[in-house]
Amino acid sequence: MHPVGLVKYTTPYESLKRAIDLAGGIKEISGNSKVFIKPNFVVWFDGIPFPKYGVLTTARMIEDLVILLNDHGVTGLILFDTIRKDVFGS
């Protein structure tokens, strides 16, 4: 079983760092590692109420994760997400 960190989000960077530390941290990620970040970007349609919490990864959370990884010495970051083709008709 893998450890999980559950933290009340109060201060952006510190809350994320605390959750990651509780889940085992990033000590095994070396500075020359390539890290793939797959946030949960969401396309939302007008007329459908948007839930207040738990739907997507905010830009602030991604920024803090990138800063945390850079502070750890990681420079090989890849940020990628997908959008369903049928959403935009292509």
N, C-alpha and C. Protein backbone atom coordinates (compact mmCIF):
# COMPACT_ATOMS: atom_id res chain seq x y z
N MET A 1 0.84 -1.17 0.00
CA MET A 1 0.00 0.00 0.00
C MET A 1 0.89 1.24 0.00
N HIS A 2 0.48 2.25 -0.74
CA HIS A 2 1.24 3.49 -0.83
C HIS A 2 0.71 4.52 0.16
N PRO A 3 1.61 5.32 0.74
CA PRO A 3 1.15 6.35 1.67
C PRO A 3 0.37 7.44 0.95
N VAL A 4 -0.53 8.05 1.67
CA VAL A 4 -1.36 9.13 1.15
C VAL A 4 -1.24 10.31 2.10
N GLY A 5 -1.21 11.53 1.56
CA GLY A 5 -1.18 12.71 2.40
C GLY A 5 -2.44 13.52 2.21
N LEU A 6 -3.15 13.80 3.26
CA LEU A 6 -4.36 14.60 3.21
C LEU A 6 -4.14 15.84 4.05
N VAL A 7 -4.21 17.00 3.41
CA VAL A 7 -3.89 18.26 4.08
C VAL A 7 -4.97 19.28 3.74
N LYS A 8 -5.40 20.04 4.73
CA LYS A 8 -6.31 21.14 4.45
C LYS A 8 -5.52 22.22 3.71
N TYR A 9 -6.05 22.67 2.59
CA TYR A 9 -5.37 23.66 1.76
C TYR A 9 -5.58 25.05 2.37
N THR A 10 -4.53 25.56 3.02
CA THR A 10 -4.62 26.87 3.66
C THR A 10 -3.64 27.86 3.05
N THR A 11 -2.41 27.43 2.86
CA THR A 11 -1.40 28.27 2.22
C THR A 11 -0.86 27.51 1.02
N PRO A 12 -0.88 28.12 -0.16
CA PRO A 12 -0.61 27.40 -1.40
C PRO A 12 0.63 26.49 -1.38
N TYR A 13 1.80 27.02 -1.40
CA TYR A 13 3.01 26.21 -1.52
C TYR A 13 3.18 25.28 -0.33
N GLU A 14 2.99 25.79 0.87
CA GLU A 14 3.21 25.00 2.08
C GLU A 14 2.24 23.83 2.18
N SER A 15 0.98 24.04 1.81
CA SER A 15 -0.01 22.96 1.87
C SER A 15 0.34 21.84 0.90
N LEU A 16 0.74 22.19 -0.31
CA LEU A 16 1.14 21.17 -1.29
C LEU A 16 2.38 20.42 -0.81
N LYS A 17 3.37 21.15 -0.32
CA LYS A 17 4.60 20.52 0.16
C LYS A 17 4.31 19.57 1.31
N ARG A 18 3.44 19.97 2.22
CA ARG A 18 3.08 19.12 3.36
C ARG A 18 2.39 17.84 2.88
N ALA A 19 1.47 17.94 1.93
CA ALA A 19 0.78 16.76 1.41
C ALA A 19 1.77 15.81 0.74
N ILE A 20 2.69 16.36 -0.04
CA ILE A 20 3.69 15.52 -0.72
C ILE A 20 4.61 14.87 0.31
N ASP A 21 5.02 15.62 1.33
CA ASP A 21 5.88 15.06 2.38
C ASP A 21 5.17 13.91 3.11
N LEU A 22 3.89 14.08 3.42
CA LEU A 22 3.13 13.03 4.10
C LEU A 22 2.98 11.78 3.25
N ALA A 23 3.00 11.97 1.93
CA ALA A 23 2.87 10.82 1.01
C ALA A 23 4.22 10.19 0.67
N GLY A 24 5.27 10.63 1.32
CA GLY A 24 6.59 10.04 1.10
C GLY A 24 7.60 10.98 0.50
N GLY A 25 7.16 12.16 0.10
CA GLY A 25 8.10 13.16 -0.40
C GLY A 25 8.60 12.90 -1.80
N ILE A 26 9.58 13.71 -2.19
CA ILE A 26 10.16 13.59 -3.53
C ILE A 26 11.65 13.28 -3.45
N LYS A 27 12.09 12.78 -2.32
CA LYS A 27 13.53 12.55 -2.12
C LYS A 27 14.12 11.57 -3.13
N GLU A 28 13.30 10.67 -3.68
CA GLU A 28 13.82 9.70 -4.64
C GLU A 28 13.86 10.24 -6.07
N ILE A 29 13.39 11.46 -6.27
CA ILE A 29 13.47 12.09 -7.59
C ILE A 29 14.77 12.87 -7.64
N SER A 30 15.66 12.49 -8.54
CA SER A 30 16.95 13.19 -8.63
C SER A 30 16.82 14.42 -9.51
N GLY A 31 17.79 15.30 -9.40
CA GLY A 31 17.78 16.54 -10.17
C GLY A 31 17.80 16.33 -11.67
N ASN A 32 18.37 15.21 -12.12
CA ASN A 32 18.43 14.97 -13.57
C ASN A 32 17.26 14.13 -14.06
N SER A 33 16.25 13.92 -13.21
CA SER A 33 15.06 13.17 -13.62
C SER A 33 14.20 14.01 -14.56
N LYS A 34 13.45 13.32 -15.38
CA LYS A 34 12.41 13.97 -16.17
C LYS A 34 11.09 13.67 -15.47
N VAL A 35 10.35 14.72 -15.15
CA VAL A 35 9.10 14.56 -14.41
C VAL A 35 7.95 14.97 -15.33
N PHE A 36 6.99 14.08 -15.47
CA PHE A 36 5.81 14.29 -16.30
C PHE A 36 4.66 14.70 -15.39
N ILE A 37 4.10 15.88 -15.61
CA ILE A 37 2.98 16.37 -14.81
C ILE A 37 1.73 16.32 -15.68
N LYS A 38 0.74 15.57 -15.24
CA LYS A 38 -0.52 15.46 -15.97
C LYS A 38 -1.63 16.04 -15.09
N PRO A 39 -1.87 17.34 -15.22
CA PRO A 39 -2.94 17.94 -14.42
C PRO A 39 -4.30 17.52 -14.98
N ASN A 40 -5.32 17.83 -14.26
CA ASN A 40 -6.67 17.49 -14.70
C ASN A 40 -7.34 18.75 -15.23
N PHE A 41 -6.94 19.18 -16.43
CA PHE A 41 -7.59 20.34 -17.04
C PHE A 41 -8.98 19.92 -17.50
N VAL A 42 -9.93 20.81 -17.40
CA VAL A 42 -11.31 20.47 -17.72
C VAL A 42 -11.89 21.51 -18.66
N VAL A 43 -12.60 21.04 -19.67
CA VAL A 43 -13.38 21.93 -20.54
C VAL A 43 -14.79 21.91 -19.98
N TRP A 44 -15.33 23.08 -19.70
CA TRP A 44 -16.66 23.16 -19.11
C TRP A 44 -17.58 23.91 -20.04
N PHE A 45 -18.82 23.50 -20.08
CA PHE A 45 -19.78 24.09 -21.01
C PHE A 45 -20.74 25.02 -20.28
N ASP A 46 -21.13 26.11 -20.96
CA ASP A 46 -22.11 27.05 -20.41
C ASP A 46 -23.41 26.31 -20.11
N GLY A 47 -24.06 26.72 -19.06
CA GLY A 47 -25.34 26.14 -18.70
C GLY A 47 -25.25 24.97 -17.75
N ILE A 48 -24.05 24.45 -17.56
CA ILE A 48 -23.85 23.35 -16.62
C ILE A 48 -23.16 23.93 -15.39
N PRO A 49 -23.77 23.81 -14.20
CA PRO A 49 -23.14 24.39 -13.01
C PRO A 49 -21.77 23.76 -12.73
N PHE A 50 -20.83 24.60 -12.42
CA PHE A 50 -19.47 24.15 -12.15
C PHE A 50 -19.31 23.87 -10.67
N PRO A 51 -18.92 22.64 -10.29
CA PRO A 51 -18.73 22.32 -8.87
C PRO A 51 -17.65 23.20 -8.24
N LYS A 52 -17.82 23.52 -6.98
CA LYS A 52 -16.89 24.41 -6.30
C LYS A 52 -15.54 23.76 -6.03
N TYR A 53 -15.51 22.46 -5.74
CA TYR A 53 -14.26 21.79 -5.37
C TYR A 53 -14.11 20.45 -6.10
N GLY A 54 -12.88 20.00 -6.21
CA GLY A 54 -12.58 18.64 -6.59
C GLY A 54 -12.71 18.27 -8.05
N VAL A 55 -12.71 19.22 -8.95
CA VAL A 55 -12.90 18.89 -10.36
C VAL A 55 -11.61 19.01 -11.15
N LEU A 56 -10.79 19.96 -10.85
CA LEU A 56 -9.60 20.18 -11.65
C LEU A 56 -8.43 20.63 -10.80
N THR A 57 -7.27 20.55 -11.42
CA THR A 57 -6.05 21.04 -10.79
C THR A 57 -5.90 22.50 -11.16
N THR A 58 -5.80 23.37 -10.19
CA THR A 58 -5.70 24.80 -10.48
C THR A 58 -4.31 25.16 -11.00
N ALA A 59 -4.25 26.26 -11.73
CA ALA A 59 -2.97 26.75 -12.23
C ALA A 59 -2.02 27.05 -11.06
N ARG A 60 -2.57 27.50 -9.95
CA ARG A 60 -1.74 27.79 -8.77
C ARG A 60 -1.08 26.52 -8.24
N MET A 61 -1.84 25.42 -8.21
CA MET A 61 -1.29 24.15 -7.73
C MET A 61 -0.18 23.66 -8.66
N ILE A 62 -0.38 23.81 -9.95
CA ILE A 62 0.65 23.40 -10.91
C ILE A 62 1.89 24.27 -10.74
N GLU A 63 1.69 25.58 -10.60
CA GLU A 63 2.83 26.48 -10.40
C GLU A 63 3.61 26.09 -9.15
N ASP A 64 2.91 25.82 -8.06
CA ASP A 64 3.58 25.44 -6.81
C ASP A 64 4.32 24.12 -6.95
N LEU A 65 3.75 23.17 -7.70
CA LEU A 65 4.43 21.90 -7.92
C LEU A 65 5.70 22.09 -8.73
N VAL A 66 5.63 22.93 -9.76
CA VAL A 66 6.82 23.22 -10.57
C VAL A 66 7.89 23.89 -9.71
N ILE A 67 7.51 24.84 -8.88
CA ILE A 67 8.46 25.52 -7.98
C ILE A 67 9.07 24.51 -7.01
N LEU A 68 8.24 23.65 -6.43
CA LEU A 68 8.72 22.65 -5.48
C LEU A 68 9.74 21.72 -6.15
N LEU A 69 9.44 21.27 -7.36
CA LEU A 69 10.37 20.40 -8.08
C LEU A 69 11.65 21.13 -8.45
N ASN A 70 11.53 22.40 -8.89
CA ASN A 70 12.72 23.20 -9.20
C ASN A 70 13.57 23.41 -7.95
N ASP A 71 12.93 23.67 -6.81
CA ASP A 71 13.66 23.83 -5.55
C ASP A 71 14.42 22.56 -5.19
N HIS A 72 13.91 21.42 -5.63
CA HIS A 72 14.54 20.12 -5.38
C HIS A 72 15.64 19.84 -6.41
N GLY A 73 15.76 20.71 -7.42
CA GLY A 73 16.81 20.55 -8.42
C GLY A 73 16.34 19.95 -9.73
N VAL A 74 15.06 19.64 -9.85
CA VAL A 74 14.53 19.04 -11.07
C VAL A 74 14.30 20.13 -12.11
N THR A 75 14.88 19.95 -13.28
CA THR A 75 14.69 20.92 -14.37
C THR A 75 14.02 20.29 -15.58
N GLY A 76 13.97 18.97 -15.66
CA GLY A 76 13.35 18.29 -16.79
C GLY A 76 11.87 18.05 -16.55
N LEU A 77 11.06 19.09 -16.72
CA LEU A 77 9.63 18.99 -16.45
C LEU A 77 8.84 18.97 -17.75
N ILE A 78 7.87 18.08 -17.81
CA ILE A 78 6.97 18.00 -18.96
C ILE A 78 5.56 18.15 -18.41
N LEU A 79 4.82 19.14 -18.92
CA LEU A 79 3.44 19.37 -18.52
C LEU A 79 2.57 19.04 -19.72
N PHE A 80 1.65 18.09 -19.55
CA PHE A 80 0.84 17.65 -20.68
C PHE A 80 -0.53 17.22 -20.20
N ASP A 81 -1.53 17.54 -20.98
CA ASP A 81 -2.88 17.06 -20.72
C ASP A 81 -3.55 16.81 -22.06
N THR A 82 -4.67 16.15 -22.04
CA THR A 82 -5.38 15.85 -23.28
C THR A 82 -6.77 16.44 -23.23
N ILE A 83 -7.31 16.67 -24.40
CA ILE A 83 -8.70 17.10 -24.54
C ILE A 83 -9.34 16.15 -25.54
N ARG A 84 -10.51 15.67 -25.22
CA ARG A 84 -11.21 14.77 -26.15
C ARG A 84 -11.42 15.45 -27.49
N LYS A 85 -11.21 14.73 -28.55
CA LYS A 85 -11.35 15.29 -29.89
C LYS A 85 -12.78 15.76 -30.17
N ASP A 86 -13.76 15.04 -29.67
CA ASP A 86 -15.15 15.38 -29.99
C ASP A 86 -15.63 16.65 -29.29
N VAL A 87 -14.87 17.15 -28.32
CA VAL A 87 -15.26 18.37 -27.62
C VAL A 87 -15.27 19.56 -28.56
N PHE A 88 -14.29 19.62 -29.44
CA PHE A 88 -14.19 20.75 -30.36
C PHE A 88 -14.53 20.37 -31.79
N GLY A 89 -15.06 19.19 -31.98
CA GLY A 89 -15.52 18.77 -33.29
C GLY A 89 -14.43 18.43 -34.28
N SER A 90 -13.22 18.15 -33.81
CA SER A 90 -12.15 17.81 -34.75
C SER A 90 -11.74 16.37 -34.60
